[in-house]
Amino acid sequence: VYKSICGSAKNFDFADFVAYFRSIARVEGCGLHTPIDRHQKRVLIIGPGFGAQMNPAQTQVVMQAGFQVHWVHHIPNPEEAEFQMLPHVSAIREAIDQVRPDLIMSGSKGGAYTVALWQMGYWRGPTVLINAHPSCTELPADVPIIITHGDQDPVYPRPRAELEALVSTGSTNMC
């Protein structure tokens, strides 16, 4: 991004920054500033790893944002001994069929479920991954994805270069 803003110059100012991001926001069909009615949007959150109990502030932010929030809590931590993914992914698929979410969110350990949903073709819609699970090594084509990962994550620390390489596997302008 730095080189895109300033080219061969050694620095840029705020006006250059604003001009650059205004120009990319004008991409046809981008819709960055289209207002949405959050009360009409359904969000399905995969419970394990999201931190509903350990990080209630994260849950509170989503709940207070005004979306219709639905949870899948009745599935185990996918890192338990002798864990079988298929029956639990099927349970999430049932929730997807019932809720018909506009977005799926998962965090940390729950990201393993999201990867399985993509691999099995059960989900191709907008997705938010918080602290992406190590099993997420490639993003599916043509799926809008947001990845956020803290540099202080004690469970799955991932260097920025690794995350940038992961993002590069996604479709252009989709993550």
N, C-alpha and C. Protein backbone atom coordinates (compact mmCIF):
# COMPACT_ATOMS: atom_id res chain seq x y z
N VAL A 1 0.83 -1.18 0.00
CA VAL A 1 0.00 0.00 0.00
C VAL A 1 0.88 1.25 0.00
N TYR A 2 1.95 1.22 0.76
CA TYR A 2 2.83 2.38 0.85
C TYR A 2 3.30 2.82 -0.54
N LYS A 3 3.80 1.85 -1.33
CA LYS A 3 4.30 2.19 -2.67
C LYS A 3 3.16 2.64 -3.58
N SER A 4 1.97 2.10 -3.37
CA SER A 4 0.82 2.52 -4.18
C SER A 4 0.47 3.97 -3.91
N ILE A 5 0.66 4.41 -2.68
CA ILE A 5 0.33 5.78 -2.32
C ILE A 5 1.41 6.76 -2.79
N CYS A 6 2.67 6.44 -2.51
CA CYS A 6 3.71 7.44 -2.77
C CYS A 6 4.60 7.12 -3.95
N GLY A 7 4.45 5.96 -4.58
CA GLY A 7 5.28 5.61 -5.73
C GLY A 7 6.74 5.54 -5.35
N SER A 8 7.59 6.31 -6.06
CA SER A 8 9.03 6.27 -5.78
C SER A 8 9.45 7.30 -4.72
N ALA A 9 8.50 8.14 -4.29
CA ALA A 9 8.83 9.13 -3.25
C ALA A 9 9.14 8.43 -1.93
N LYS A 10 9.87 9.10 -1.06
CA LYS A 10 10.24 8.51 0.21
C LYS A 10 9.17 8.68 1.29
N ASN A 11 8.21 9.56 1.05
CA ASN A 11 7.16 9.76 2.05
C ASN A 11 5.91 10.29 1.36
N PHE A 12 4.85 10.35 2.13
CA PHE A 12 3.61 10.93 1.64
C PHE A 12 2.92 11.62 2.80
N ASP A 13 1.97 12.51 2.48
CA ASP A 13 1.25 13.22 3.53
C ASP A 13 -0.21 12.73 3.57
N PHE A 14 -0.95 13.27 4.50
CA PHE A 14 -2.32 12.83 4.70
C PHE A 14 -3.18 13.05 3.45
N ALA A 15 -2.95 14.11 2.73
CA ALA A 15 -3.72 14.37 1.50
C ALA A 15 -3.49 13.24 0.49
N ASP A 16 -2.25 12.75 0.37
CA ASP A 16 -1.97 11.62 -0.51
C ASP A 16 -2.72 10.36 -0.05
N PHE A 17 -2.70 10.15 1.25
CA PHE A 17 -3.41 9.01 1.84
C PHE A 17 -4.90 9.06 1.51
N VAL A 18 -5.52 10.19 1.73
CA VAL A 18 -6.95 10.36 1.46
C VAL A 18 -7.24 10.18 -0.02
N ALA A 19 -6.41 10.78 -0.87
CA ALA A 19 -6.62 10.66 -2.33
C ALA A 19 -6.54 9.21 -2.77
N TYR A 20 -5.58 8.48 -2.24
CA TYR A 20 -5.44 7.07 -2.62
C TYR A 20 -6.67 6.26 -2.23
N PHE A 21 -7.10 6.38 -0.97
CA PHE A 21 -8.23 5.56 -0.52
C PHE A 21 -9.55 6.02 -1.12
N ARG A 22 -9.66 7.27 -1.47
CA ARG A 22 -10.87 7.69 -2.20
C ARG A 22 -10.88 7.10 -3.60
N SER A 23 -9.72 7.00 -4.22
CA SER A 23 -9.67 6.46 -5.58
C SER A 23 -10.00 4.97 -5.60
N ILE A 24 -9.56 4.22 -4.62
CA ILE A 24 -9.88 2.79 -4.64
C ILE A 24 -11.31 2.55 -4.19
N ALA A 25 -11.90 3.47 -3.44
CA ALA A 25 -13.29 3.33 -3.02
C ALA A 25 -14.25 3.55 -4.17
N ARG A 26 -13.76 4.10 -5.28
CA ARG A 26 -14.61 4.36 -6.43
C ARG A 26 -14.67 3.18 -7.39
N VAL A 27 -14.11 2.06 -7.01
CA VAL A 27 -14.17 0.88 -7.86
C VAL A 27 -15.63 0.53 -8.08
N GLU A 28 -16.00 0.29 -9.33
CA GLU A 28 -17.39 0.02 -9.67
C GLU A 28 -17.92 -1.16 -8.86
N GLY A 29 -19.10 -0.98 -8.27
CA GLY A 29 -19.74 -2.04 -7.49
C GLY A 29 -19.17 -2.21 -6.10
N CYS A 30 -18.25 -1.35 -5.71
CA CYS A 30 -17.59 -1.51 -4.42
C CYS A 30 -18.56 -1.33 -3.26
N GLY A 31 -19.40 -0.30 -3.32
CA GLY A 31 -20.42 -0.10 -2.31
C GLY A 31 -19.90 0.08 -0.89
N LEU A 32 -18.75 0.69 -0.73
CA LEU A 32 -18.18 0.85 0.60
C LEU A 32 -19.05 1.69 1.52
N HIS A 33 -19.78 2.62 0.96
CA HIS A 33 -20.54 3.54 1.80
C HIS A 33 -22.05 3.34 1.66
N THR A 34 -22.45 2.16 1.25
CA THR A 34 -23.87 1.85 1.15
C THR A 34 -24.39 1.56 2.55
N PRO A 35 -25.38 2.31 3.00
CA PRO A 35 -25.91 2.04 4.35
C PRO A 35 -26.63 0.68 4.37
N ILE A 36 -26.48 -0.02 5.50
CA ILE A 36 -27.17 -1.29 5.66
C ILE A 36 -28.06 -1.23 6.88
N ASP A 37 -29.14 -1.96 6.82
CA ASP A 37 -30.02 -2.08 7.98
C ASP A 37 -29.56 -3.29 8.77
N ARG A 38 -28.77 -3.06 9.80
CA ARG A 38 -28.19 -4.15 10.57
C ARG A 38 -29.25 -5.06 11.19
N HIS A 39 -30.39 -4.52 11.50
CA HIS A 39 -31.44 -5.33 12.11
C HIS A 39 -31.97 -6.39 11.14
N GLN A 40 -31.69 -6.21 9.85
CA GLN A 40 -32.12 -7.18 8.85
C GLN A 40 -31.02 -8.20 8.52
N LYS A 41 -29.83 -8.01 9.05
CA LYS A 41 -28.70 -8.88 8.74
C LYS A 41 -28.51 -9.95 9.81
N ARG A 42 -28.40 -11.21 9.35
CA ARG A 42 -28.24 -12.34 10.25
C ARG A 42 -26.77 -12.77 10.30
N VAL A 43 -26.25 -12.87 11.51
CA VAL A 43 -24.87 -13.28 11.74
C VAL A 43 -24.89 -14.59 12.50
N LEU A 44 -24.18 -15.59 11.98
CA LEU A 44 -24.05 -16.88 12.65
C LEU A 44 -22.64 -16.96 13.22
N ILE A 45 -22.55 -17.14 14.53
CA ILE A 45 -21.25 -17.20 15.20
C ILE A 45 -21.00 -18.63 15.64
N ILE A 46 -19.85 -19.16 15.24
CA ILE A 46 -19.42 -20.48 15.67
C ILE A 46 -18.80 -20.30 17.06
N GLY A 47 -19.45 -20.91 18.05
CA GLY A 47 -19.13 -20.65 19.45
C GLY A 47 -17.72 -20.99 19.91
N PRO A 48 -17.24 -22.24 19.72
CA PRO A 48 -15.92 -22.57 20.25
C PRO A 48 -14.85 -21.64 19.69
N GLY A 49 -14.07 -21.06 20.59
CA GLY A 49 -12.98 -20.18 20.18
C GLY A 49 -13.37 -18.72 20.04
N PHE A 50 -14.68 -18.42 20.05
CA PHE A 50 -15.07 -17.03 19.86
C PHE A 50 -14.88 -16.20 21.12
N GLY A 51 -14.86 -16.85 22.25
CA GLY A 51 -14.60 -16.13 23.49
C GLY A 51 -15.81 -15.55 24.17
N ALA A 52 -16.97 -16.17 23.99
CA ALA A 52 -18.19 -15.66 24.62
C ALA A 52 -18.04 -15.56 26.13
N GLN A 53 -17.30 -16.50 26.73
CA GLN A 53 -17.10 -16.45 28.17
C GLN A 53 -15.75 -15.83 28.55
N MET A 54 -14.72 -16.13 27.77
CA MET A 54 -13.38 -15.63 28.12
C MET A 54 -13.15 -14.20 27.66
N ASN A 55 -13.87 -13.76 26.64
CA ASN A 55 -13.72 -12.41 26.12
C ASN A 55 -15.11 -11.82 25.87
N PRO A 56 -15.87 -11.58 26.94
CA PRO A 56 -17.25 -11.12 26.76
C PRO A 56 -17.34 -9.76 26.06
N ALA A 57 -16.30 -8.95 26.11
CA ALA A 57 -16.34 -7.65 25.44
C ALA A 57 -16.46 -7.84 23.93
N GLN A 58 -15.79 -8.85 23.39
CA GLN A 58 -15.88 -9.13 21.95
C GLN A 58 -17.31 -9.50 21.58
N THR A 59 -17.91 -10.35 22.38
CA THR A 59 -19.30 -10.75 22.14
C THR A 59 -20.23 -9.55 22.27
N GLN A 60 -19.99 -8.73 23.26
CA GLN A 60 -20.83 -7.56 23.51
C GLN A 60 -20.80 -6.59 22.32
N VAL A 61 -19.65 -6.42 21.72
CA VAL A 61 -19.53 -5.52 20.56
C VAL A 61 -20.44 -6.01 19.43
N VAL A 62 -20.40 -7.31 19.17
CA VAL A 62 -21.23 -7.86 18.10
C VAL A 62 -22.71 -7.73 18.46
N MET A 63 -23.06 -8.05 19.68
CA MET A 63 -24.46 -8.00 20.10
C MET A 63 -25.00 -6.57 20.06
N GLN A 64 -24.18 -5.60 20.44
CA GLN A 64 -24.63 -4.21 20.46
C GLN A 64 -24.63 -3.55 19.08
N ALA A 65 -24.06 -4.22 18.10
CA ALA A 65 -23.99 -3.64 16.75
C ALA A 65 -25.34 -3.66 16.04
N GLY A 66 -26.31 -4.39 16.59
CA GLY A 66 -27.65 -4.36 16.04
C GLY A 66 -28.00 -5.47 15.07
N PHE A 67 -27.10 -6.42 14.89
CA PHE A 67 -27.39 -7.54 13.99
C PHE A 67 -28.28 -8.57 14.68
N GLN A 68 -28.91 -9.43 13.88
CA GLN A 68 -29.57 -10.61 14.41
C GLN A 68 -28.48 -11.65 14.60
N VAL A 69 -28.12 -11.93 15.84
CA VAL A 69 -27.00 -12.83 16.12
C VAL A 69 -27.53 -14.20 16.53
N HIS A 70 -27.00 -15.22 15.87
CA HIS A 70 -27.34 -16.61 16.17
C HIS A 70 -26.04 -17.34 16.48
N TRP A 71 -26.10 -18.22 17.44
CA TRP A 71 -24.90 -18.93 17.91
C TRP A 71 -25.00 -20.42 17.61
N VAL A 72 -23.85 -21.03 17.38
CA VAL A 72 -23.73 -22.49 17.35
C VAL A 72 -22.81 -22.82 18.52
N HIS A 73 -23.43 -23.13 19.67
CA HIS A 73 -22.67 -23.42 20.89
C HIS A 73 -22.57 -24.92 21.17
N HIS A 74 -23.43 -25.70 20.58
CA HIS A 74 -23.54 -27.12 20.96
C HIS A 74 -22.53 -28.02 20.26
N ILE A 75 -21.40 -27.48 19.87
CA ILE A 75 -20.35 -28.26 19.22
C ILE A 75 -19.08 -28.18 20.07
N PRO A 76 -18.25 -29.21 20.03
CA PRO A 76 -17.07 -29.22 20.90
C PRO A 76 -15.88 -28.46 20.32
N ASN A 77 -14.91 -28.25 21.17
CA ASN A 77 -13.63 -27.71 20.76
C ASN A 77 -13.04 -28.69 19.74
N PRO A 78 -12.72 -28.23 18.54
CA PRO A 78 -12.22 -29.16 17.52
C PRO A 78 -10.83 -29.70 17.78
N GLU A 79 -10.21 -29.30 18.89
CA GLU A 79 -8.88 -29.79 19.20
C GLU A 79 -8.89 -30.81 20.33
N GLU A 80 -10.09 -31.29 20.68
CA GLU A 80 -10.18 -32.34 21.69
C GLU A 80 -9.64 -33.65 21.13
N ALA A 81 -9.17 -34.52 22.02
CA ALA A 81 -8.64 -35.82 21.60
C ALA A 81 -9.74 -36.61 20.89
N GLU A 82 -9.34 -37.32 19.84
CA GLU A 82 -10.23 -38.18 19.07
C GLU A 82 -11.43 -37.43 18.48
N PHE A 83 -11.22 -36.18 18.16
CA PHE A 83 -12.29 -35.35 17.60
C PHE A 83 -12.62 -35.78 16.18
N GLN A 84 -13.90 -35.85 15.86
CA GLN A 84 -14.39 -36.16 14.52
C GLN A 84 -15.10 -34.91 13.98
N MET A 85 -14.59 -34.31 12.94
CA MET A 85 -15.11 -33.05 12.42
C MET A 85 -16.47 -33.20 11.74
N LEU A 86 -16.66 -34.23 10.92
CA LEU A 86 -17.82 -34.33 10.05
C LEU A 86 -19.17 -34.18 10.75
N PRO A 87 -19.45 -34.89 11.85
CA PRO A 87 -20.79 -34.72 12.43
C PRO A 87 -21.06 -33.31 12.94
N HIS A 88 -20.03 -32.63 13.37
CA HIS A 88 -20.20 -31.29 13.92
C HIS A 88 -20.33 -30.25 12.81
N VAL A 89 -19.61 -30.47 11.72
CA VAL A 89 -19.77 -29.57 10.57
C VAL A 89 -21.19 -29.73 10.01
N SER A 90 -21.70 -30.94 10.04
CA SER A 90 -23.08 -31.17 9.59
C SER A 90 -24.06 -30.41 10.48
N ALA A 91 -23.79 -30.34 11.77
CA ALA A 91 -24.66 -29.58 12.68
C ALA A 91 -24.60 -28.08 12.35
N ILE A 92 -23.43 -27.58 12.00
CA ILE A 92 -23.30 -26.17 11.61
C ILE A 92 -24.04 -25.94 10.30
N ARG A 93 -23.94 -26.90 9.38
CA ARG A 93 -24.66 -26.76 8.12
C ARG A 93 -26.16 -26.68 8.36
N GLU A 94 -26.67 -27.45 9.30
CA GLU A 94 -28.10 -27.37 9.64
C GLU A 94 -28.44 -25.97 10.15
N ALA A 95 -27.55 -25.41 10.98
CA ALA A 95 -27.78 -24.05 11.47
C ALA A 95 -27.76 -23.05 10.31
N ILE A 96 -26.86 -23.25 9.36
CA ILE A 96 -26.80 -22.37 8.19
C ILE A 96 -28.11 -22.47 7.42
N ASP A 97 -28.61 -23.68 7.23
CA ASP A 97 -29.87 -23.87 6.50
C ASP A 97 -31.05 -23.22 7.23
N GLN A 98 -31.05 -23.27 8.55
CA GLN A 98 -32.15 -22.69 9.33
C GLN A 98 -32.06 -21.17 9.40
N VAL A 99 -30.88 -20.67 9.70
CA VAL A 99 -30.69 -19.23 9.93
C VAL A 99 -30.57 -18.46 8.61
N ARG A 100 -29.96 -19.07 7.60
CA ARG A 100 -29.65 -18.40 6.33
C ARG A 100 -28.87 -17.11 6.61
N PRO A 101 -27.68 -17.24 7.22
CA PRO A 101 -26.94 -16.04 7.63
C PRO A 101 -26.42 -15.23 6.45
N ASP A 102 -26.25 -13.94 6.73
CA ASP A 102 -25.59 -13.05 5.78
C ASP A 102 -24.08 -13.08 5.99
N LEU A 103 -23.66 -13.56 7.18
CA LEU A 103 -22.25 -13.56 7.56
C LEU A 103 -22.03 -14.67 8.58
N ILE A 104 -20.88 -15.33 8.47
CA ILE A 104 -20.45 -16.26 9.51
C ILE A 104 -19.20 -15.69 10.16
N MET A 105 -19.16 -15.78 11.49
CA MET A 105 -17.99 -15.34 12.24
C MET A 105 -17.45 -16.52 13.05
N SER A 106 -16.13 -16.59 13.12
CA SER A 106 -15.50 -17.58 13.99
C SER A 106 -14.22 -16.99 14.52
N GLY A 107 -13.80 -17.52 15.64
CA GLY A 107 -12.56 -17.05 16.24
C GLY A 107 -11.72 -18.21 16.70
N SER A 108 -10.43 -18.11 16.49
CA SER A 108 -9.47 -19.04 17.01
C SER A 108 -9.82 -20.48 16.66
N LYS A 109 -10.12 -21.30 17.65
CA LYS A 109 -10.40 -22.73 17.43
C LYS A 109 -11.60 -22.95 16.52
N GLY A 110 -12.58 -22.06 16.57
CA GLY A 110 -13.75 -22.18 15.70
C GLY A 110 -13.41 -22.01 14.24
N GLY A 111 -12.25 -21.42 13.95
CA GLY A 111 -11.82 -21.26 12.57
C GLY A 111 -11.60 -22.60 11.87
N ALA A 112 -11.30 -23.65 12.64
CA ALA A 112 -11.15 -24.98 12.04
C ALA A 112 -12.48 -25.41 11.42
N TYR A 113 -13.58 -25.07 12.09
CA TYR A 113 -14.90 -25.38 11.53
C TYR A 113 -15.15 -24.57 10.26
N THR A 114 -14.77 -23.31 10.26
CA THR A 114 -14.98 -22.47 9.08
C THR A 114 -14.21 -23.03 7.89
N VAL A 115 -12.98 -23.44 8.10
CA VAL A 115 -12.18 -24.03 7.02
C VAL A 115 -12.88 -25.28 6.49
N ALA A 116 -13.40 -26.10 7.39
CA ALA A 116 -14.11 -27.32 6.96
C ALA A 116 -15.37 -26.96 6.17
N LEU A 117 -16.09 -25.93 6.59
CA LEU A 117 -17.28 -25.49 5.84
C LEU A 117 -16.90 -25.09 4.42
N TRP A 118 -15.81 -24.37 4.27
CA TRP A 118 -15.34 -23.97 2.94
C TRP A 118 -14.95 -25.20 2.12
N GLN A 119 -14.17 -26.10 2.73
CA GLN A 119 -13.67 -27.27 2.00
C GLN A 119 -14.80 -28.18 1.54
N MET A 120 -15.85 -28.28 2.34
CA MET A 120 -16.98 -29.15 2.00
C MET A 120 -18.00 -28.45 1.12
N GLY A 121 -17.79 -27.16 0.86
CA GLY A 121 -18.71 -26.41 0.02
C GLY A 121 -20.00 -26.03 0.71
N TYR A 122 -20.02 -26.05 2.04
CA TYR A 122 -21.23 -25.73 2.81
C TYR A 122 -21.41 -24.23 3.00
N TRP A 123 -20.34 -23.45 2.82
CA TRP A 123 -20.43 -22.00 3.00
C TRP A 123 -19.52 -21.30 2.02
N ARG A 124 -20.06 -20.33 1.30
CA ARG A 124 -19.30 -19.51 0.37
C ARG A 124 -19.67 -18.04 0.52
N GLY A 125 -20.24 -17.70 1.67
CA GLY A 125 -20.67 -16.34 1.90
C GLY A 125 -19.65 -15.54 2.69
N PRO A 126 -19.98 -14.28 2.98
CA PRO A 126 -19.08 -13.42 3.74
C PRO A 126 -18.71 -14.05 5.09
N THR A 127 -17.43 -13.89 5.43
CA THR A 127 -16.88 -14.55 6.61
C THR A 127 -15.94 -13.61 7.33
N VAL A 128 -15.99 -13.65 8.66
CA VAL A 128 -15.02 -12.94 9.50
C VAL A 128 -14.28 -13.99 10.32
N LEU A 129 -12.95 -13.99 10.21
CA LEU A 129 -12.10 -14.87 11.01
C LEU A 129 -11.32 -14.03 11.99
N ILE A 130 -11.46 -14.33 13.25
CA ILE A 130 -10.70 -13.63 14.29
C ILE A 130 -9.62 -14.60 14.78
N ASN A 131 -8.38 -14.18 14.72
CA ASN A 131 -7.24 -15.02 15.07
C ASN A 131 -7.33 -16.36 14.33
N ALA A 132 -7.11 -16.29 13.05
CA ALA A 132 -7.29 -17.42 12.14
C ALA A 132 -6.58 -18.69 12.63
N HIS A 133 -7.33 -19.78 12.59
CA HIS A 133 -6.82 -21.09 13.00
C HIS A 133 -5.68 -21.52 12.07
N PRO A 134 -4.67 -22.23 12.59
CA PRO A 134 -3.55 -22.66 11.74
C PRO A 134 -3.96 -23.54 10.56
N SER A 135 -5.12 -24.19 10.63
CA SER A 135 -5.57 -25.01 9.50
C SER A 135 -6.00 -24.14 8.32
N CYS A 136 -6.14 -22.85 8.56
CA CYS A 136 -6.50 -21.92 7.48
C CYS A 136 -5.21 -21.48 6.78
N THR A 137 -4.89 -22.20 5.71
CA THR A 137 -3.67 -21.92 4.97
C THR A 137 -3.95 -21.38 3.58
N GLU A 138 -5.23 -21.41 3.18
CA GLU A 138 -5.62 -20.91 1.87
C GLU A 138 -7.07 -20.46 1.96
N LEU A 139 -7.39 -19.36 1.28
CA LEU A 139 -8.75 -18.84 1.29
C LEU A 139 -9.49 -19.30 0.03
N PRO A 140 -10.78 -19.54 0.16
CA PRO A 140 -11.55 -19.97 -1.02
C PRO A 140 -11.71 -18.82 -2.01
N ALA A 141 -11.85 -19.18 -3.27
CA ALA A 141 -12.02 -18.18 -4.32
C ALA A 141 -13.39 -17.53 -4.23
N ASP A 142 -13.42 -16.25 -4.54
CA ASP A 142 -14.65 -15.48 -4.67
C ASP A 142 -15.50 -15.45 -3.40
N VAL A 143 -14.86 -15.48 -2.25
CA VAL A 143 -15.55 -15.38 -0.97
C VAL A 143 -15.05 -14.14 -0.26
N PRO A 144 -15.96 -13.22 0.11
CA PRO A 144 -15.52 -12.04 0.85
C PRO A 144 -15.16 -12.43 2.29
N ILE A 145 -13.94 -12.14 2.67
CA ILE A 145 -13.42 -12.58 3.97
C ILE A 145 -12.69 -11.43 4.65
N ILE A 146 -12.93 -11.28 5.93
CA ILE A 146 -12.16 -10.35 6.76
C ILE A 146 -11.40 -11.20 7.75
N ILE A 147 -10.10 -10.97 7.82
CA ILE A 147 -9.26 -11.67 8.79
C ILE A 147 -8.67 -10.62 9.72
N THR A 148 -8.85 -10.84 11.00
CA THR A 148 -8.23 -9.97 11.99
C THR A 148 -7.44 -10.85 12.93
N HIS A 149 -6.24 -10.44 13.23
CA HIS A 149 -5.38 -11.28 14.06
C HIS A 149 -4.50 -10.39 14.93
N GLY A 150 -4.63 -10.54 16.22
CA GLY A 150 -3.83 -9.74 17.13
C GLY A 150 -2.40 -10.25 17.23
N ASP A 151 -1.46 -9.33 17.37
CA ASP A 151 -0.07 -9.76 17.47
C ASP A 151 0.28 -10.31 18.85
N GLN A 152 -0.67 -10.26 19.76
CA GLN A 152 -0.44 -10.79 21.10
C GLN A 152 -1.23 -12.09 21.35
N ASP A 153 -1.74 -12.71 20.29
CA ASP A 153 -2.53 -13.92 20.44
C ASP A 153 -1.67 -15.04 21.02
N PRO A 154 -1.98 -15.51 22.25
CA PRO A 154 -1.15 -16.55 22.85
C PRO A 154 -1.47 -17.95 22.33
N VAL A 155 -2.65 -18.15 21.71
CA VAL A 155 -3.06 -19.48 21.28
C VAL A 155 -2.47 -19.82 19.92
N TYR A 156 -2.66 -18.94 18.94
CA TYR A 156 -2.15 -19.17 17.58
C TYR A 156 -1.39 -17.95 17.10
N PRO A 157 -0.21 -17.69 17.63
CA PRO A 157 0.54 -16.54 17.13
C PRO A 157 0.94 -16.77 15.68
N ARG A 158 0.70 -15.76 14.85
CA ARG A 158 1.07 -15.85 13.44
C ARG A 158 1.74 -14.53 13.05
N PRO A 159 2.91 -14.61 12.46
CA PRO A 159 3.58 -13.38 12.05
C PRO A 159 2.82 -12.69 10.91
N ARG A 160 2.97 -11.40 10.83
CA ARG A 160 2.28 -10.60 9.82
C ARG A 160 2.53 -11.13 8.40
N ALA A 161 3.76 -11.52 8.12
CA ALA A 161 4.10 -12.01 6.78
C ALA A 161 3.28 -13.26 6.44
N GLU A 162 3.06 -14.11 7.42
CA GLU A 162 2.25 -15.32 7.20
C GLU A 162 0.80 -14.95 6.92
N LEU A 163 0.29 -13.97 7.65
CA LEU A 163 -1.09 -13.52 7.43
C LEU A 163 -1.24 -12.84 6.07
N GLU A 164 -0.26 -12.05 5.68
CA GLU A 164 -0.31 -11.42 4.37
C GLU A 164 -0.25 -12.47 3.26
N ALA A 165 0.53 -13.53 3.46
CA ALA A 165 0.58 -14.62 2.48
C ALA A 165 -0.78 -15.32 2.42
N LEU A 166 -1.43 -15.49 3.56
CA LEU A 166 -2.76 -16.10 3.59
C LEU A 166 -3.75 -15.23 2.82
N VAL A 167 -3.76 -13.93 3.08
CA VAL A 167 -4.66 -13.02 2.39
C VAL A 167 -4.41 -13.05 0.88
N SER A 168 -3.17 -13.20 0.49
CA SER A 168 -2.85 -13.22 -0.95
C SER A 168 -3.44 -14.43 -1.67
N THR A 169 -3.86 -15.46 -0.94
CA THR A 169 -4.46 -16.62 -1.58
C THR A 169 -5.94 -16.38 -1.90
N GLY A 170 -6.51 -15.33 -1.34
CA GLY A 170 -7.91 -14.99 -1.60
C GLY A 170 -8.07 -14.25 -2.91
N SER A 171 -9.29 -14.08 -3.32
CA SER A 171 -9.59 -13.36 -4.57
C SER A 171 -9.37 -11.87 -4.39
N THR A 172 -8.95 -11.21 -5.45
CA THR A 172 -8.69 -9.78 -5.44
C THR A 172 -9.92 -9.01 -4.98
N ASN A 173 -9.71 -8.05 -4.10
CA ASN A 173 -10.76 -7.20 -3.55
C ASN A 173 -11.82 -7.95 -2.76
N MET A 174 -11.49 -9.15 -2.29
CA MET A 174 -12.45 -9.93 -1.50
C MET A 174 -11.98 -10.12 -0.06
N CYS A 175 -10.75 -9.72 0.26
CA CYS A 175 -10.29 -9.86 1.63
C CYS A 175 -9.32 -8.75 1.96
